Amino acid sequence: MAYANVTENAVLSYREGKLVAYPVADETTIYKGSLVFADASGAATYVPTGGRCFLGVAMESGTSGQLIKVAPVGVFPFITSSATAADVGLPVYLNTSANPRTVTKTNPTNSPIIGYITKVIDASTVEVMITAGAIVPEGGS
């Protein structure tokens, strides 16, 4: 398929992805350092829901309706299990059977890849380069 030639510059709106504000979902409390996902209305929740996206890491706490700042990219430490040096470069997912600060190398059916291990701190802690935007697989929680 051929594309039409571009004949003029576009007006671009650019914002560095440092921190983005999201309202906290109804009847929800988000704690600083938690992995955050969008609910059906686009509000921040810690529960991954099928068809919605991963927003990033909460940089502050908040409750229903409050705006919280979320980091969509960056390197963060997370709890995991049985980490070894060989895990560097592997994808990780939210560990849906633990808390929203715990990641797993095992792909659960209801969580997208939230990032990749960049460093193993010890057997139970890894640093992860996260990138927001991954979509939770349909059939998720």
N, C-alpha and C. Protein backbone atom coordinates (compact mmCIF):
# COMPACT_ATOMS: atom_id res chain seq x y z
N MET A 1 0.84 -1.18 0.00
CA MET A 1 0.00 0.00 0.00
C MET A 1 0.89 1.24 0.00
N ALA A 2 0.61 2.15 -0.88
CA ALA A 2 1.38 3.39 -0.96
C ALA A 2 0.76 4.44 -0.05
N TYR A 3 1.61 5.25 0.56
CA TYR A 3 1.14 6.32 1.42
C TYR A 3 1.17 7.63 0.65
N ALA A 4 0.28 8.53 1.00
CA ALA A 4 0.30 9.85 0.38
C ALA A 4 1.53 10.60 0.85
N ASN A 5 2.10 11.42 -0.01
CA ASN A 5 3.26 12.22 0.38
C ASN A 5 2.86 13.25 1.42
N VAL A 6 3.74 13.46 2.38
CA VAL A 6 3.54 14.52 3.38
C VAL A 6 4.08 15.80 2.77
N THR A 7 3.29 16.86 2.82
CA THR A 7 3.70 18.11 2.18
C THR A 7 3.86 19.27 3.15
N GLU A 8 3.60 19.03 4.44
CA GLU A 8 3.78 20.10 5.42
C GLU A 8 4.07 19.50 6.79
N ASN A 9 4.65 20.32 7.65
CA ASN A 9 4.94 19.87 9.00
C ASN A 9 3.64 19.74 9.80
N ALA A 10 3.63 18.78 10.70
CA ALA A 10 2.49 18.61 11.60
C ALA A 10 2.71 19.44 12.85
N VAL A 11 1.62 19.86 13.46
CA VAL A 11 1.70 20.51 14.76
C VAL A 11 1.68 19.39 15.79
N LEU A 12 2.77 19.27 16.54
CA LEU A 12 2.88 18.17 17.50
C LEU A 12 2.69 18.65 18.92
N SER A 13 1.97 17.87 19.67
CA SER A 13 1.86 18.10 21.10
C SER A 13 2.74 17.05 21.76
N TYR A 14 3.73 17.49 22.52
CA TYR A 14 4.67 16.55 23.11
C TYR A 14 4.72 16.77 24.61
N ARG A 15 4.71 15.67 25.34
CA ARG A 15 4.84 15.73 26.80
C ARG A 15 5.73 14.58 27.20
N GLU A 16 6.80 14.89 27.93
CA GLU A 16 7.65 13.81 28.41
C GLU A 16 6.83 12.95 29.36
N GLY A 17 7.04 11.65 29.28
CA GLY A 17 6.26 10.72 30.09
C GLY A 17 6.75 10.57 31.50
N LYS A 18 7.08 11.66 32.17
CA LYS A 18 7.62 11.57 33.51
C LYS A 18 6.55 11.18 34.53
N LEU A 19 5.55 11.98 34.72
CA LEU A 19 4.46 11.66 35.64
C LEU A 19 3.14 12.05 34.99
N VAL A 20 2.15 11.20 35.18
CA VAL A 20 0.82 11.44 34.63
C VAL A 20 -0.18 11.32 35.78
N ALA A 21 -1.15 12.23 35.84
CA ALA A 21 -2.15 12.19 36.92
C ALA A 21 -3.38 11.40 36.47
N TYR A 22 -3.84 10.52 37.36
CA TYR A 22 -5.05 9.73 37.12
C TYR A 22 -5.92 9.79 38.37
N PRO A 23 -7.25 9.82 38.20
CA PRO A 23 -8.12 9.71 39.38
C PRO A 23 -8.11 8.26 39.86
N VAL A 24 -8.21 8.09 41.17
CA VAL A 24 -8.27 6.74 41.73
C VAL A 24 -9.70 6.22 41.58
N ALA A 25 -9.84 4.97 41.20
CA ALA A 25 -11.15 4.34 40.98
C ALA A 25 -11.99 4.37 42.26
N ASP A 26 -13.31 4.32 42.09
CA ASP A 26 -14.24 4.29 43.22
C ASP A 26 -13.93 3.13 44.15
N GLU A 27 -14.09 3.38 45.44
CA GLU A 27 -13.90 2.35 46.46
C GLU A 27 -12.53 1.67 46.38
N THR A 28 -11.51 2.47 46.04
CA THR A 28 -10.16 1.94 45.88
C THR A 28 -9.16 2.83 46.60
N THR A 29 -8.16 2.22 47.18
CA THR A 29 -7.02 2.94 47.74
C THR A 29 -5.78 2.44 47.01
N ILE A 30 -5.01 3.37 46.47
CA ILE A 30 -3.76 3.04 45.79
C ILE A 30 -2.63 3.52 46.70
N TYR A 31 -1.65 2.66 46.93
CA TYR A 31 -0.51 3.02 47.76
C TYR A 31 0.71 3.29 46.89
N LYS A 32 1.52 4.24 47.34
CA LYS A 32 2.75 4.60 46.65
C LYS A 32 3.58 3.34 46.40
N GLY A 33 4.09 3.20 45.17
CA GLY A 33 4.91 2.05 44.81
C GLY A 33 4.14 0.90 44.20
N SER A 34 2.81 1.00 44.15
CA SER A 34 2.00 -0.08 43.57
C SER A 34 1.96 0.01 42.06
N LEU A 35 1.85 -1.14 41.42
CA LEU A 35 1.60 -1.19 39.98
C LEU A 35 0.15 -0.79 39.76
N VAL A 36 -0.10 0.05 38.75
CA VAL A 36 -1.42 0.63 38.55
C VAL A 36 -1.92 0.33 37.15
N PHE A 37 -3.21 -0.01 37.07
CA PHE A 37 -3.87 -0.33 35.81
C PHE A 37 -5.08 0.57 35.64
N ALA A 38 -5.57 0.70 34.41
CA ALA A 38 -6.78 1.49 34.15
C ALA A 38 -8.01 0.61 34.32
N ASP A 39 -9.07 1.19 34.90
CA ASP A 39 -10.34 0.46 34.92
C ASP A 39 -11.15 0.89 33.70
N ALA A 40 -12.39 0.47 33.60
CA ALA A 40 -13.23 0.76 32.42
C ALA A 40 -13.44 2.25 32.19
N SER A 41 -13.35 3.06 33.25
CA SER A 41 -13.55 4.51 33.10
C SER A 41 -12.23 5.26 32.94
N GLY A 42 -11.10 4.53 32.95
CA GLY A 42 -9.80 5.16 32.82
C GLY A 42 -9.19 5.57 34.15
N ALA A 43 -9.87 5.24 35.25
CA ALA A 43 -9.34 5.57 36.58
C ALA A 43 -8.30 4.53 37.00
N ALA A 44 -7.46 4.90 37.95
CA ALA A 44 -6.39 4.04 38.43
C ALA A 44 -6.91 3.01 39.42
N THR A 45 -6.50 1.76 39.20
CA THR A 45 -6.82 0.67 40.10
C THR A 45 -5.62 -0.27 40.15
N TYR A 46 -5.57 -1.11 41.15
CA TYR A 46 -4.47 -2.08 41.22
C TYR A 46 -4.88 -3.43 40.67
N VAL A 47 -6.10 -3.54 40.17
CA VAL A 47 -6.63 -4.80 39.65
C VAL A 47 -6.57 -4.78 38.12
N PRO A 48 -5.77 -5.65 37.50
CA PRO A 48 -5.75 -5.68 36.03
C PRO A 48 -7.06 -6.25 35.49
N THR A 49 -7.67 -5.54 34.55
CA THR A 49 -8.94 -5.95 33.97
C THR A 49 -8.75 -6.15 32.46
N GLY A 50 -9.27 -7.24 31.93
CA GLY A 50 -9.12 -7.56 30.52
C GLY A 50 -9.46 -6.40 29.61
N GLY A 51 -8.59 -6.15 28.63
CA GLY A 51 -8.81 -5.10 27.65
C GLY A 51 -8.36 -3.72 28.10
N ARG A 52 -7.94 -3.57 29.35
CA ARG A 52 -7.47 -2.28 29.87
C ARG A 52 -5.95 -2.27 29.91
N CYS A 53 -5.36 -1.09 30.12
CA CYS A 53 -3.90 -1.03 30.03
C CYS A 53 -3.20 -0.81 31.37
N PHE A 54 -1.93 -1.15 31.35
CA PHE A 54 -1.02 -0.91 32.47
C PHE A 54 -0.63 0.56 32.42
N LEU A 55 -0.81 1.28 33.53
CA LEU A 55 -0.53 2.72 33.57
C LEU A 55 0.87 3.05 34.07
N GLY A 56 1.40 2.24 34.99
CA GLY A 56 2.73 2.52 35.54
C GLY A 56 2.79 2.26 37.02
N VAL A 57 3.66 3.00 37.72
CA VAL A 57 3.87 2.85 39.16
C VAL A 57 3.35 4.09 39.87
N ALA A 58 2.53 3.88 40.90
CA ALA A 58 2.01 5.00 41.68
C ALA A 58 3.14 5.69 42.42
N MET A 59 3.26 6.99 42.25
CA MET A 59 4.31 7.75 42.92
C MET A 59 3.79 8.44 44.18
N GLU A 60 2.50 8.27 44.44
CA GLU A 60 1.89 8.78 45.66
C GLU A 60 0.64 7.98 45.95
N SER A 61 0.15 8.07 47.17
CA SER A 61 -1.05 7.34 47.58
C SER A 61 -2.29 8.19 47.35
N GLY A 62 -3.44 7.53 47.23
CA GLY A 62 -4.69 8.24 47.09
C GLY A 62 -5.87 7.30 47.23
N THR A 63 -7.04 7.88 47.44
CA THR A 63 -8.26 7.10 47.57
C THR A 63 -9.29 7.59 46.55
N SER A 64 -10.41 6.92 46.51
CA SER A 64 -11.49 7.17 45.54
C SER A 64 -11.60 8.61 45.09
N GLY A 65 -11.42 8.84 43.78
CA GLY A 65 -11.63 10.15 43.19
C GLY A 65 -10.44 11.10 43.26
N GLN A 66 -9.49 10.86 44.16
CA GLN A 66 -8.32 11.73 44.25
C GLN A 66 -7.41 11.50 43.05
N LEU A 67 -6.71 12.54 42.63
CA LEU A 67 -5.72 12.40 41.57
C LEU A 67 -4.41 11.93 42.19
N ILE A 68 -3.79 10.94 41.55
CA ILE A 68 -2.47 10.49 41.97
C ILE A 68 -1.53 10.59 40.77
N LYS A 69 -0.26 10.78 41.06
CA LYS A 69 0.74 10.82 40.00
C LYS A 69 1.29 9.42 39.80
N VAL A 70 1.41 9.04 38.52
CA VAL A 70 1.87 7.71 38.14
C VAL A 70 3.04 7.87 37.18
N ALA A 71 4.11 7.11 37.41
CA ALA A 71 5.26 7.10 36.51
C ALA A 71 5.03 6.03 35.44
N PRO A 72 4.91 6.41 34.17
CA PRO A 72 4.66 5.44 33.11
C PRO A 72 5.91 4.69 32.64
N VAL A 73 7.08 5.23 32.95
CA VAL A 73 8.35 4.58 32.58
C VAL A 73 9.35 4.77 33.70
N GLY A 74 10.33 3.88 33.76
CA GLY A 74 11.39 4.02 34.74
C GLY A 74 11.86 2.67 35.24
N VAL A 75 12.86 2.68 36.11
CA VAL A 75 13.38 1.47 36.71
C VAL A 75 13.03 1.50 38.19
N PHE A 76 12.36 0.44 38.65
CA PHE A 76 11.86 0.37 40.02
C PHE A 76 12.18 -0.99 40.64
N PRO A 77 12.40 -1.02 41.96
CA PRO A 77 12.60 -2.31 42.63
C PRO A 77 11.24 -2.94 42.95
N PHE A 78 11.16 -4.26 42.76
CA PHE A 78 9.94 -4.99 43.09
C PHE A 78 10.30 -6.29 43.79
N ILE A 79 9.36 -6.78 44.57
CA ILE A 79 9.49 -8.07 45.24
C ILE A 79 9.21 -9.16 44.20
N THR A 80 9.95 -10.25 44.29
CA THR A 80 9.73 -11.41 43.43
C THR A 80 10.15 -12.65 44.21
N SER A 81 10.26 -13.78 43.53
CA SER A 81 10.73 -14.98 44.22
C SER A 81 11.78 -15.68 43.35
N SER A 82 12.75 -16.26 43.99
CA SER A 82 13.78 -17.07 43.34
C SER A 82 14.49 -16.37 42.19
N ALA A 83 14.89 -15.12 42.39
CA ALA A 83 15.60 -14.39 41.34
C ALA A 83 17.07 -14.80 41.31
N THR A 84 17.59 -14.93 40.09
CA THR A 84 19.01 -15.22 39.90
C THR A 84 19.54 -14.29 38.82
N ALA A 85 20.86 -14.20 38.71
CA ALA A 85 21.48 -13.35 37.70
C ALA A 85 21.02 -13.70 36.29
N ALA A 86 20.65 -14.93 36.06
CA ALA A 86 20.19 -15.37 34.74
C ALA A 86 18.84 -14.75 34.36
N ASP A 87 18.15 -14.12 35.33
CA ASP A 87 16.84 -13.53 35.06
C ASP A 87 16.91 -12.16 34.39
N VAL A 88 18.09 -11.53 34.37
CA VAL A 88 18.22 -10.21 33.75
C VAL A 88 17.78 -10.31 32.29
N GLY A 89 16.89 -9.40 31.92
CA GLY A 89 16.35 -9.38 30.56
C GLY A 89 15.01 -10.08 30.40
N LEU A 90 14.60 -10.85 31.42
CA LEU A 90 13.32 -11.56 31.32
C LEU A 90 12.14 -10.62 31.57
N PRO A 91 11.01 -10.89 30.92
CA PRO A 91 9.81 -10.09 31.18
C PRO A 91 9.21 -10.47 32.54
N VAL A 92 8.53 -9.51 33.16
CA VAL A 92 7.81 -9.78 34.41
C VAL A 92 6.38 -9.27 34.30
N TYR A 93 5.54 -9.84 35.16
CA TYR A 93 4.11 -9.56 35.20
C TYR A 93 3.72 -9.25 36.63
N LEU A 94 2.59 -8.60 36.83
CA LEU A 94 2.05 -8.43 38.17
C LEU A 94 1.75 -9.82 38.71
N ASN A 95 2.19 -10.10 39.93
CA ASN A 95 1.84 -11.36 40.58
C ASN A 95 0.45 -11.19 41.18
N THR A 96 -0.56 -11.63 40.46
CA THR A 96 -1.95 -11.40 40.86
C THR A 96 -2.37 -12.20 42.09
N SER A 97 -1.52 -13.12 42.55
CA SER A 97 -1.85 -13.85 43.77
C SER A 97 -1.15 -13.25 44.99
N ALA A 98 -0.44 -12.14 44.80
CA ALA A 98 0.26 -11.47 45.90
C ALA A 98 -0.29 -10.05 46.05
N ASN A 99 0.59 -9.08 46.23
CA ASN A 99 0.15 -7.69 46.35
C ASN A 99 0.62 -6.90 45.12
N PRO A 100 0.12 -5.67 44.94
CA PRO A 100 0.46 -4.92 43.72
C PRO A 100 1.87 -4.34 43.68
N ARG A 101 2.76 -4.84 44.53
CA ARG A 101 4.17 -4.47 44.48
C ARG A 101 5.04 -5.70 44.20
N THR A 102 4.40 -6.79 43.81
CA THR A 102 5.11 -8.05 43.60
C THR A 102 4.99 -8.47 42.14
N VAL A 103 6.13 -8.88 41.56
CA VAL A 103 6.14 -9.31 40.16
C VAL A 103 6.52 -10.78 40.08
N THR A 104 6.18 -11.38 38.96
CA THR A 104 6.50 -12.79 38.72
C THR A 104 7.03 -12.96 37.31
N LYS A 105 7.87 -13.97 37.13
CA LYS A 105 8.39 -14.29 35.80
C LYS A 105 7.42 -15.23 35.08
N THR A 106 6.47 -15.79 35.82
CA THR A 106 5.49 -16.70 35.25
C THR A 106 4.32 -15.89 34.71
N ASN A 107 3.93 -16.14 33.49
CA ASN A 107 2.86 -15.39 32.85
C ASN A 107 1.49 -15.83 33.37
N PRO A 108 0.85 -15.00 34.23
CA PRO A 108 -0.52 -15.32 34.63
C PRO A 108 -1.45 -15.00 33.46
N THR A 109 -2.64 -15.50 33.49
CA THR A 109 -3.55 -15.28 32.36
C THR A 109 -4.18 -13.90 32.36
N ASN A 110 -4.03 -13.14 33.44
CA ASN A 110 -4.73 -11.85 33.50
C ASN A 110 -3.82 -10.66 33.79
N SER A 111 -2.58 -10.72 33.34
CA SER A 111 -1.69 -9.59 33.53
C SER A 111 -0.77 -9.45 32.32
N PRO A 112 -0.56 -8.21 31.85
CA PRO A 112 0.35 -8.01 30.73
C PRO A 112 1.79 -7.96 31.23
N ILE A 113 2.74 -7.99 30.33
CA ILE A 113 4.13 -7.73 30.69
C ILE A 113 4.19 -6.29 31.18
N ILE A 114 4.74 -6.08 32.38
CA ILE A 114 4.84 -4.72 32.90
C ILE A 114 6.26 -4.17 32.73
N GLY A 115 7.20 -5.04 32.38
CA GLY A 115 8.56 -4.58 32.16
C GLY A 115 9.54 -5.74 32.09
N TYR A 116 10.82 -5.39 32.18
CA TYR A 116 11.88 -6.39 32.06
C TYR A 116 12.89 -6.20 33.19
N ILE A 117 13.37 -7.32 33.71
CA ILE A 117 14.35 -7.27 34.79
C ILE A 117 15.66 -6.68 34.27
N THR A 118 16.14 -5.64 34.95
CA THR A 118 17.41 -5.01 34.57
C THR A 118 18.52 -5.34 35.55
N LYS A 119 18.14 -5.74 36.77
CA LYS A 119 19.14 -6.05 37.79
C LYS A 119 18.51 -6.94 38.86
N VAL A 120 19.27 -7.92 39.33
CA VAL A 120 18.85 -8.74 40.46
C VAL A 120 19.55 -8.20 41.70
N ILE A 121 18.77 -7.69 42.64
CA ILE A 121 19.34 -7.14 43.87
C ILE A 121 19.66 -8.28 44.84
N ASP A 122 18.70 -9.17 45.01
CA ASP A 122 18.90 -10.39 45.81
C ASP A 122 17.84 -11.39 45.36
N ALA A 123 17.75 -12.53 46.00
CA ALA A 123 16.84 -13.60 45.56
C ALA A 123 15.38 -13.20 45.58
N SER A 124 15.04 -12.14 46.34
CA SER A 124 13.63 -11.74 46.42
C SER A 124 13.37 -10.32 45.95
N THR A 125 14.35 -9.66 45.34
CA THR A 125 14.17 -8.28 44.87
C THR A 125 14.86 -8.09 43.52
N VAL A 126 14.12 -7.52 42.57
CA VAL A 126 14.68 -7.21 41.25
C VAL A 126 14.36 -5.77 40.88
N GLU A 127 15.21 -5.19 40.05
CA GLU A 127 14.88 -3.90 39.46
C GLU A 127 14.27 -4.18 38.10
N VAL A 128 13.21 -3.45 37.79
CA VAL A 128 12.46 -3.67 36.56
C VAL A 128 12.30 -2.37 35.80
N MET A 129 12.62 -2.39 34.51
CA MET A 129 12.34 -1.26 33.63
C MET A 129 10.91 -1.42 33.17
N ILE A 130 10.04 -0.52 33.66
CA ILE A 130 8.62 -0.62 33.29
C ILE A 130 8.33 0.32 32.13
N THR A 131 7.33 -0.05 31.34
CA THR A 131 6.82 0.79 30.27
C THR A 131 5.30 0.63 30.25
N ALA A 132 4.60 1.73 30.46
CA ALA A 132 3.13 1.68 30.47
C ALA A 132 2.59 1.42 29.07
N GLY A 133 1.34 1.02 29.03
CA GLY A 133 0.65 0.86 27.75
C GLY A 133 0.30 -0.55 27.40
N ALA A 134 0.92 -1.53 28.05
CA ALA A 134 0.59 -2.92 27.75
C ALA A 134 -0.88 -3.19 28.11
N ILE A 135 -1.56 -3.93 27.25
CA ILE A 135 -2.98 -4.22 27.46
C ILE A 135 -3.14 -5.52 28.21
N VAL A 136 -4.01 -5.52 29.21
CA VAL A 136 -4.32 -6.73 29.96
C VAL A 136 -5.07 -7.68 29.02
N PRO A 137 -4.66 -8.93 28.94
CA PRO A 137 -5.36 -9.89 28.06
C PRO A 137 -6.84 -10.01 28.41
N GLU A 138 -7.67 -10.17 27.40
CA GLU A 138 -9.10 -10.39 27.64
C GLU A 138 -9.26 -11.64 28.48
N GLY A 139 -10.27 -11.66 29.32
CA GLY A 139 -10.47 -12.79 30.22
C GLY A 139 -9.80 -12.54 31.54
N GLY A 140 -9.10 -11.37 31.66
CA GLY A 140 -8.48 -11.01 32.93
C GLY A 140 -9.53 -10.68 33.96
N SER A 141 -9.11 -10.50 35.19
CA SER A 141 -9.99 -10.30 36.34
C SER A 141 -11.18 -9.42 36.03
